[in-house]
Amino acid sequence: MSKIDKNDFLKSNPFSYSLNKDGKMMISYQGKNILILKGKKAGQMAKKLENKSDFDQQLVLAKLTGNFKRGNEKQNKEK
């Protein structure tokens, strides 16, 4: 078991990214956009992700997005 991904969470590829024509990078988590990079930062990140394996891409995206889920998100529950 890897010390980096103890629960094998990144194997399910929860993060994805796409580059737009205008140079923006859209980063998604389980299909929902969570981060948009523009300009120089988007170009640098695209270059960084270019020749990495799937696991390494997932790791870079997870580190980039940081701790965006804190457990206090609203749940869609009907009462």
PDB file of N, CA and C in Angstrom:
ATOM      1  N   MET A   1       0.842  -1.172   0.000  1.00  0.00           N
ATOM      2  CA  MET A   1       0.000   0.000   0.000  1.00  0.00           C
ATOM      3  C   MET A   1       0.897   1.248   0.000  1.00  0.00           C
ATOM      4  N   SER A   2       0.557   2.214  -0.806  1.00  0.00           N
ATOM      5  CA  SER A   2       1.328   3.434  -0.933  1.00  0.00           C
ATOM      6  C   SER A   2       1.060   4.368   0.245  1.00  0.00           C
ATOM      7  N   LYS A   3       2.106   5.038   0.713  1.00  0.00           N
ATOM      8  CA  LYS A   3       1.929   6.010   1.784  1.00  0.00           C
ATOM      9  C   LYS A   3       1.227   7.255   1.269  1.00  0.00           C
ATOM     10  N   ILE A   4       1.303   7.492  -0.027  1.00  0.00           N
ATOM     11  CA  ILE A   4       0.692   8.681  -0.619  1.00  0.00           C
ATOM     12  C   ILE A   4      -0.819   8.533  -0.706  1.00  0.00           C
ATOM     13  N   ASP A   5      -1.280   7.413  -1.175  1.00  0.00           N
ATOM     14  CA  ASP A   5      -2.711   7.179  -1.380  1.00  0.00           C
ATOM     15  C   ASP A   5      -3.115   5.933  -0.599  1.00  0.00           C
ATOM     16  N   LYS A   6      -3.256   6.084   0.709  1.00  0.00           N
ATOM     17  CA  LYS A   6      -3.489   4.942   1.583  1.00  0.00           C
ATOM     18  C   LYS A   6      -4.780   4.192   1.281  1.00  0.00           C
ATOM     19  N   ASN A   7      -5.820   4.886   0.850  1.00  0.00           N
ATOM     20  CA  ASN A   7      -7.111   4.244   0.605  1.00  0.00           C
ATOM     21  C   ASN A   7      -7.365   3.959  -0.866  1.00  0.00           C
ATOM     22  N   ASP A   8      -6.348   4.065  -1.689  1.00  0.00           N
ATOM     23  CA  ASP A   8      -6.456   3.846  -3.139  1.00  0.00           C
ATOM     24  C   ASP A   8      -7.554   4.710  -3.757  1.00  0.00           C
ATOM     25  N   PHE A   9      -7.726   5.906  -3.245  1.00  0.00           N
ATOM     26  CA  PHE A   9      -8.758   6.814  -3.734  1.00  0.00           C
ATOM     27  C   PHE A   9      -8.454   7.321  -5.136  1.00  0.00           C
ATOM     28  N   LEU A  10      -7.189   7.603  -5.415  1.00  0.00           N
ATOM     29  CA  LEU A  10      -6.817   8.181  -6.703  1.00  0.00           C
ATOM     30  C   LEU A  10      -6.881   7.171  -7.850  1.00  0.00           C
ATOM     31  N   LYS A  11      -6.954   5.897  -7.535  1.00  0.00           N
ATOM     32  CA  LYS A  11      -7.078   4.881  -8.589  1.00  0.00           C
ATOM     33  C   LYS A  11      -8.404   4.988  -9.333  1.00  0.00           C
ATOM     34  N   SER A  12      -9.413   5.568  -8.684  1.00  0.00           N
ATOM     35  CA  SER A  12     -10.716   5.715  -9.324  1.00  0.00           C
ATOM     36  C   SER A  12     -10.784   6.946 -10.231  1.00  0.00           C
ATOM     37  N   ASN A  13      -9.669   7.678 -10.350  1.00  0.00           N
ATOM     38  CA  ASN A  13      -9.568   8.872 -11.198  1.00  0.00           C
ATOM     39  C   ASN A  13     -10.693   9.880 -10.942  1.00  0.00           C
ATOM     40  N   PRO A  14     -10.782  10.426  -9.722  1.00  0.00           N
ATOM     41  CA  PRO A  14     -11.855  11.372  -9.419  1.00  0.00           C
ATOM     42  C   PRO A  14     -11.646  12.754 -10.052  1.00  0.00           C
ATOM     43  N   PHE A  15     -10.397  13.094 -10.386  1.00  0.00           N
ATOM     44  CA  PHE A  15     -10.102  14.399 -10.954  1.00  0.00           C
ATOM     45  C   PHE A  15      -9.932  14.306 -12.464  1.00  0.00           C
ATOM     46  N   SER A  16     -10.338  15.355 -13.151  1.00  0.00           N
ATOM     47  CA  SER A  16     -10.117  15.452 -14.591  1.00  0.00           C
ATOM     48  C   SER A  16      -9.868  16.917 -14.924  1.00  0.00           C
ATOM     49  N   TYR A  17      -9.331  17.150 -16.111  1.00  0.00           N
ATOM     50  CA  TYR A  17      -9.091  18.529 -16.523  1.00  0.00           C
ATOM     51  C   TYR A  17      -9.297  18.637 -18.021  1.00  0.00           C
ATOM     52  N   SER A  18      -9.583  19.853 -18.452  1.00  0.00           N
ATOM     53  CA  SER A  18      -9.709  20.126 -19.873  1.00  0.00           C
ATOM     54  C   SER A  18      -9.158  21.518 -20.148  1.00  0.00           C
ATOM     55  N   LEU A  19      -8.623  21.681 -21.341  1.00  0.00           N
ATOM     56  CA  LEU A  19      -8.090  22.969 -21.764  1.00  0.00           C
ATOM     57  C   LEU A  19      -9.034  23.575 -22.788  1.00  0.00           C
ATOM     58  N   ASN A  20      -9.396  24.822 -22.582  1.00  0.00           N
ATOM     59  CA  ASN A  20     -10.264  25.520 -23.519  1.00  0.00           C
ATOM     60  C   ASN A  20      -9.425  26.222 -24.585  1.00  0.00           C
ATOM     61  N   LYS A  21     -10.075  26.667 -25.643  1.00  0.00           N
ATOM     62  CA  LYS A  21      -9.388  27.370 -26.718  1.00  0.00           C
ATOM     63  C   LYS A  21      -8.782  28.688 -26.238  1.00  0.00           C
ATOM     64  N   ASP A  22      -9.413  29.313 -25.262  1.00  0.00           N
ATOM     65  CA  ASP A  22      -8.922  30.603 -24.771  1.00  0.00           C
ATOM     66  C   ASP A  22      -7.825  30.468 -23.716  1.00  0.00           C
ATOM     67  N   GLY A  23      -7.333  29.251 -23.488  1.00  0.00           N
ATOM     68  CA  GLY A  23      -6.211  29.038 -22.587  1.00  0.00           C
ATOM     69  C   GLY A  23      -6.584  28.761 -21.147  1.00  0.00           C
ATOM     70  N   LYS A  24      -7.846  28.598 -20.846  1.00  0.00           N
ATOM     71  CA  LYS A  24      -8.265  28.286 -19.485  1.00  0.00           C
ATOM     72  C   LYS A  24      -8.222  26.776 -19.261  1.00  0.00           C
ATOM     73  N   MET A  25      -7.857  26.395 -18.042  1.00  0.00           N
ATOM     74  CA  MET A  25      -7.862  24.987 -17.660  1.00  0.00           C
ATOM     75  C   MET A  25      -8.971  24.792 -16.634  1.00  0.00           C
ATOM     76  N   MET A  26      -9.901  23.907 -16.949  1.00  0.00           N
ATOM     77  CA  MET A  26     -11.008  23.598 -16.054  1.00  0.00           C
ATOM     78  C   MET A  26     -10.675  22.290 -15.342  1.00  0.00           C
ATOM     79  N   ILE A  27     -10.653  22.312 -14.019  1.00  0.00           N
ATOM     80  CA  ILE A  27     -10.361  21.120 -13.232  1.00  0.00           C
ATOM     81  C   ILE A  27     -11.652  20.678 -12.560  1.00  0.00           C
ATOM     82  N   SER A  28     -11.967  19.395 -12.717  1.00  0.00           N
ATOM     83  CA  SER A  28     -13.218  18.843 -12.197  1.00  0.00           C
ATOM     84  C   SER A  28     -12.948  17.725 -11.204  1.00  0.00           C
ATOM     85  N   TYR A  29     -13.868  17.583 -10.275  1.00  0.00           N
ATOM     86  CA  TYR A  29     -13.851  16.479  -9.316  1.00  0.00           C
ATOM     87  C   TYR A  29     -15.175  15.754  -9.453  1.00  0.00           C
ATOM     88  N   GLN A  30     -15.122  14.517  -9.856  1.00  0.00           N
ATOM     89  CA  GLN A  30     -16.299  13.682 -10.082  1.00  0.00           C
ATOM     90  C   GLN A  30     -17.320  14.391 -10.967  1.00  0.00           C
ATOM     91  N   GLY A  31     -16.824  15.032 -12.023  1.00  0.00           N
ATOM     92  CA  GLY A  31     -17.683  15.661 -13.014  1.00  0.00           C
ATOM     93  C   GLY A  31     -18.132  17.079 -12.707  1.00  0.00           C
ATOM     94  N   LYS A  32     -17.775  17.619 -11.547  1.00  0.00           N
ATOM     95  CA  LYS A  32     -18.176  18.983 -11.179  1.00  0.00           C
ATOM     96  C   LYS A  32     -16.949  19.892 -11.198  1.00  0.00           C
ATOM     97  N   ASN A  33     -17.061  21.034 -11.891  1.00  0.00           N
ATOM     98  CA  ASN A  33     -15.952  21.981 -11.947  1.00  0.00           C
ATOM     99  C   ASN A  33     -15.678  22.539 -10.564  1.00  0.00           C
ATOM    100  N   ILE A  34     -14.405  22.497 -10.168  1.00  0.00           N
ATOM    101  CA  ILE A  34     -14.049  23.016  -8.859  1.00  0.00           C
ATOM    102  C   ILE A  34     -12.983  24.095  -8.928  1.00  0.00           C
ATOM    103  N   LEU A  35     -12.270  24.193 -10.057  1.00  0.00           N
ATOM    104  CA  LEU A  35     -11.190  25.156 -10.147  1.00  0.00           C
ATOM    105  C   LEU A  35     -10.969  25.533 -11.601  1.00  0.00           C
ATOM    106  N   ILE A  36     -10.710  26.815 -11.836  1.00  0.00           N
ATOM    107  CA  ILE A  36     -10.387  27.302 -13.176  1.00  0.00           C
ATOM    108  C   ILE A  36      -9.054  28.023 -13.089  1.00  0.00           C
ATOM    109  N   LEU A  37      -8.114  27.607 -13.919  1.00  0.00           N
ATOM    110  CA  LEU A  37      -6.819  28.279 -14.009  1.00  0.00           C
ATOM    111  C   LEU A  37      -6.782  29.064 -15.302  1.00  0.00           C
ATOM    112  N   LYS A  38      -6.182  30.258 -15.256  1.00  0.00           N
ATOM    113  CA  LYS A  38      -6.116  31.109 -16.432  1.00  0.00           C
ATOM    114  C   LYS A  38      -4.674  31.507 -16.702  1.00  0.00           C
ATOM    115  N   GLY A  39      -4.416  31.885 -17.923  1.00  0.00           N
ATOM    116  CA  GLY A  39      -3.154  32.485 -18.312  1.00  0.00           C
ATOM    117  C   GLY A  39      -1.937  31.627 -18.095  1.00  0.00           C
ATOM    118  N   LYS A  40      -0.921  32.244 -17.516  1.00  0.00           N
ATOM    119  CA  LYS A  40       0.379  31.600 -17.345  1.00  0.00           C
ATOM    120  C   LYS A  40       0.295  30.357 -16.453  1.00  0.00           C
ATOM    121  N   LYS A  41      -0.494  30.448 -15.404  1.00  0.00           N
ATOM    122  CA  LYS A  41      -0.631  29.316 -14.470  1.00  0.00           C
ATOM    123  C   LYS A  41      -1.249  28.095 -15.172  1.00  0.00           C
ATOM    124  N   ALA A  42      -2.225  28.328 -16.051  1.00  0.00           N
ATOM    125  CA  ALA A  42      -2.849  27.227 -16.795  1.00  0.00           C
ATOM    126  C   ALA A  42      -1.833  26.576 -17.728  1.00  0.00           C
ATOM    127  N   GLY A  43      -1.029  27.379 -18.386  1.00  0.00           N
ATOM    128  CA  GLY A  43      -0.006  26.851 -19.282  1.00  0.00           C
ATOM    129  C   GLY A  43       1.041  26.032 -18.553  1.00  0.00           C
ATOM    130  N   GLN A  44       1.469  26.527 -17.405  1.00  0.00           N
ATOM    131  CA  GLN A  44       2.452  25.805 -16.601  1.00  0.00           C
ATOM    132  C   GLN A  44       1.900  24.467 -16.124  1.00  0.00           C
ATOM    133  N   MET A  45       0.641  24.468 -15.698  1.00  0.00           N
ATOM    134  CA  MET A  45       0.039  23.231 -15.205  1.00  0.00           C
ATOM    135  C   MET A  45      -0.149  22.231 -16.334  1.00  0.00           C
ATOM    136  N   ALA A  46      -0.551  22.696 -17.510  1.00  0.00           N
ATOM    137  CA  ALA A  46      -0.718  21.798 -18.656  1.00  0.00           C
ATOM    138  C   ALA A  46       0.610  21.147 -19.010  1.00  0.00           C
ATOM    139  N   LYS A  47       1.670  21.924 -18.960  1.00  0.00           N
ATOM    140  CA  LYS A  47       3.009  21.393 -19.258  1.00  0.00           C
ATOM    141  C   LYS A  47       3.422  20.372 -18.197  1.00  0.00           C
ATOM    142  N   LYS A  48       3.084  20.645 -16.953  1.00  0.00           N
ATOM    143  CA  LYS A  48       3.436  19.752 -15.844  1.00  0.00           C
ATOM    144  C   LYS A  48       2.706  18.404 -15.951  1.00  0.00           C
ATOM    145  N   LEU A  49       1.448  18.434 -16.419  1.00  0.00           N
ATOM    146  CA  LEU A  49       0.639  17.219 -16.514  1.00  0.00           C
ATOM    147  C   LEU A  49       0.887  16.425 -17.798  1.00  0.00           C
ATOM    148  N   GLU A  50       1.571  17.028 -18.748  1.00  0.00           N
ATOM    149  CA  GLU A  50       1.701  16.494 -20.097  1.00  0.00           C
ATOM    150  C   GLU A  50       2.171  15.044 -20.185  1.00  0.00           C
ATOM    151  N   ASN A  51       3.268  14.693 -19.587  1.00  0.00           N
ATOM    152  CA  ASN A  51       3.849  13.357 -19.763  1.00  0.00           C
ATOM    153  C   ASN A  51       3.802  12.510 -18.499  1.00  0.00           C
ATOM    154  N   LYS A  52       2.834  12.747 -17.664  1.00  0.00           N
ATOM    155  CA  LYS A  52       2.721  11.991 -16.414  1.00  0.00           C
ATOM    156  C   LYS A  52       1.758  10.814 -16.569  1.00  0.00           C
ATOM    157  N   SER A  53       1.955   9.817 -15.723  1.00  0.00           N
ATOM    158  CA  SER A  53       1.033   8.676 -15.702  1.00  0.00           C
ATOM    159  C   SER A  53      -0.298   9.123 -15.104  1.00  0.00           C
ATOM    160  N   ASP A  54      -1.318   8.292 -15.233  1.00  0.00           N
ATOM    161  CA  ASP A  54      -2.646   8.629 -14.695  1.00  0.00           C
ATOM    162  C   ASP A  54      -2.587   8.908 -13.201  1.00  0.00           C
ATOM    163  N   PHE A  55      -1.890   8.045 -12.461  1.00  0.00           N
ATOM    164  CA  PHE A  55      -1.805   8.219 -11.011  1.00  0.00           C
ATOM    165  C   PHE A  55      -1.105   9.527 -10.669  1.00  0.00           C
ATOM    166  N   ASP A  56      -0.015   9.834 -11.367  1.00  0.00           N
ATOM    167  CA  ASP A  56       0.726  11.059 -11.092  1.00  0.00           C
ATOM    168  C   ASP A  56      -0.106  12.295 -11.441  1.00  0.00           C
ATOM    169  N   GLN A  57      -0.889  12.228 -12.514  1.00  0.00           N
ATOM    170  CA  GLN A  57      -1.783  13.333 -12.849  1.00  0.00           C
ATOM    171  C   GLN A  57      -2.815  13.543 -11.741  1.00  0.00           C
ATOM    172  N   GLN A  58      -3.384  12.443 -11.258  1.00  0.00           N
ATOM    173  CA  GLN A  58      -4.374  12.534 -10.179  1.00  0.00           C
ATOM    174  C   GLN A  58      -3.753  13.156  -8.928  1.00  0.00           C
ATOM    175  N   LEU A  59      -2.531  12.769  -8.624  1.00  0.00           N
ATOM    176  CA  LEU A  59      -1.847  13.280  -7.445  1.00  0.00           C
ATOM    177  C   LEU A  59      -1.584  14.777  -7.577  1.00  0.00           C
ATOM    178  N   VAL A  60      -1.129  15.212  -8.745  1.00  0.00           N
ATOM    179  CA  VAL A  60      -0.869  16.635  -8.976  1.00  0.00           C
ATOM    180  C   VAL A  60      -2.163  17.437  -8.869  1.00  0.00           C
ATOM    181  N   LEU A  61      -3.235  16.941  -9.470  1.00  0.00           N
ATOM    182  CA  LEU A  61      -4.518  17.647  -9.408  1.00  0.00           C
ATOM    183  C   LEU A  61      -5.067  17.693  -7.991  1.00  0.00           C
ATOM    184  N   ALA A  62      -4.892  16.616  -7.232  1.00  0.00           N
ATOM    185  CA  ALA A  62      -5.358  16.595  -5.842  1.00  0.00           C
ATOM    186  C   ALA A  62      -4.587  17.617  -5.008  1.00  0.00           C
ATOM    187  N   LYS A  63      -3.278  17.698  -5.215  1.00  0.00           N
ATOM    188  CA  LYS A  63      -2.478  18.673  -4.477  1.00  0.00           C
ATOM    189  C   LYS A  63      -2.820  20.093  -4.895  1.00  0.00           C
ATOM    190  N   LEU A  64      -3.092  20.292  -6.170  1.00  0.00           N
ATOM    191  CA  LEU A  64      -3.426  21.617  -6.676  1.00  0.00           C
ATOM    192  C   LEU A  64      -4.748  22.120  -6.103  1.00  0.00           C
ATOM    193  N   THR A  65      -5.739  21.255  -6.048  1.00  0.00           N
ATOM    194  CA  THR A  65      -7.047  21.671  -5.550  1.00  0.00           C
ATOM    195  C   THR A  65      -7.045  21.825  -4.035  1.00  0.00           C
ATOM    196  N   GLY A  66      -6.123  21.183  -3.368  1.00  0.00           N
ATOM    197  CA  GLY A  66      -6.000  21.345  -1.924  1.00  0.00           C
ATOM    198  C   GLY A  66      -7.157  20.737  -1.164  1.00  0.00           C
ATOM    199  N   ASN A  67      -7.465  21.318  -0.056  1.00  0.00           N
ATOM    200  CA  ASN A  67      -8.502  20.815   0.834  1.00  0.00           C
ATOM    201  C   ASN A  67      -9.818  21.529   0.523  1.00  0.00           C
ATOM    202  N   PHE A  68     -10.379  21.271  -0.652  1.00  0.00           N
ATOM    203  CA  PHE A  68     -11.596  21.977  -1.028  1.00  0.00           C
ATOM    204  C   PHE A  68     -12.838  21.375  -0.409  1.00  0.00           C
ATOM    205  N   LYS A  69     -12.780  20.133   0.052  1.00  0.00           N
ATOM    206  CA  LYS A  69     -13.925  19.505   0.722  1.00  0.00           C
ATOM    207  C   LYS A  69     -13.634  19.448   2.212  1.00  0.00           C
ATOM    208  N   ARG A  70     -14.482  20.072   2.973  1.00  0.00           N
ATOM    209  CA  ARG A  70     -14.268  20.138   4.414  1.00  0.00           C
ATOM    210  C   ARG A  70     -15.347  19.404   5.210  1.00  0.00           C
ATOM    211  N   GLY A  71     -16.316  18.823   4.541  1.00  0.00           N
ATOM    212  CA  GLY A  71     -17.338  18.066   5.238  1.00  0.00           C
ATOM    213  C   GLY A  71     -18.553  18.871   5.632  1.00  0.00           C
ATOM    214  N   ASN A  72     -18.551  20.160   5.324  1.00  0.00           N
ATOM    215  CA  ASN A  72     -19.695  20.977   5.704  1.00  0.00           C
ATOM    216  C   ASN A  72     -20.525  21.396   4.494  1.00  0.00           C
ATOM    217  N   GLU A  73     -20.380  20.675   3.393  1.00  0.00           N
ATOM    218  CA  GLU A  73     -21.166  20.984   2.212  1.00  0.00           C
ATOM    219  C   GLU A  73     -22.626  20.626   2.464  1.00  0.00           C
ATOM    220  N   LYS A  74     -23.506  21.407   1.872  1.00  0.00           N
ATOM    221  CA  LYS A  74     -24.924  21.147   2.045  1.00  0.00           C
ATOM    222  C   LYS A  74     -25.309  19.866   1.303  1.00  0.00           C
ATOM    223  N   GLN A  75     -26.101  19.068   1.926  1.00  0.00           N
ATOM    224  CA  GLN A  75     -26.601  17.854   1.319  1.00  0.00           C
ATOM    225  C   GLN A  75     -27.994  18.125   0.779  1.00  0.00           C
ATOM    226  N   ASN A  76     -28.316  17.582  -0.360  1.00  0.00           N
ATOM    227  CA  ASN A  76     -29.653  17.741  -0.945  1.00  0.00           C
ATOM    228  C   ASN A  76     -30.590  16.727  -0.330  1.00  0.00           C
ATOM    229  N   LYS A  77     -31.063  17.039   0.853  1.00  0.00           N
ATOM    230  CA  LYS A  77     -31.970  16.140   1.563  1.00  0.00           C
ATOM    231  C   LYS A  77     -33.339  16.784   1.655  1.00  0.00           C
ATOM    232  N   GLU A  78     -34.344  16.017   1.348  1.00  0.00           N
ATOM    233  CA  GLU A  78     -35.699  16.515   1.511  1.00  0.00           C
ATOM    234  C   GLU A  78     -36.214  16.080   2.876  1.00  0.00           C
ATOM    235  N   LYS A  79     -36.856  17.005   3.534  1.00  0.00           N
ATOM    236  CA  LYS A  79     -37.362  16.697   4.878  1.00  0.00           C
ATOM    237  C   LYS A  79     -38.803  16.303   4.830  1.00  0.00           C
TER     238      LYS A  79
END
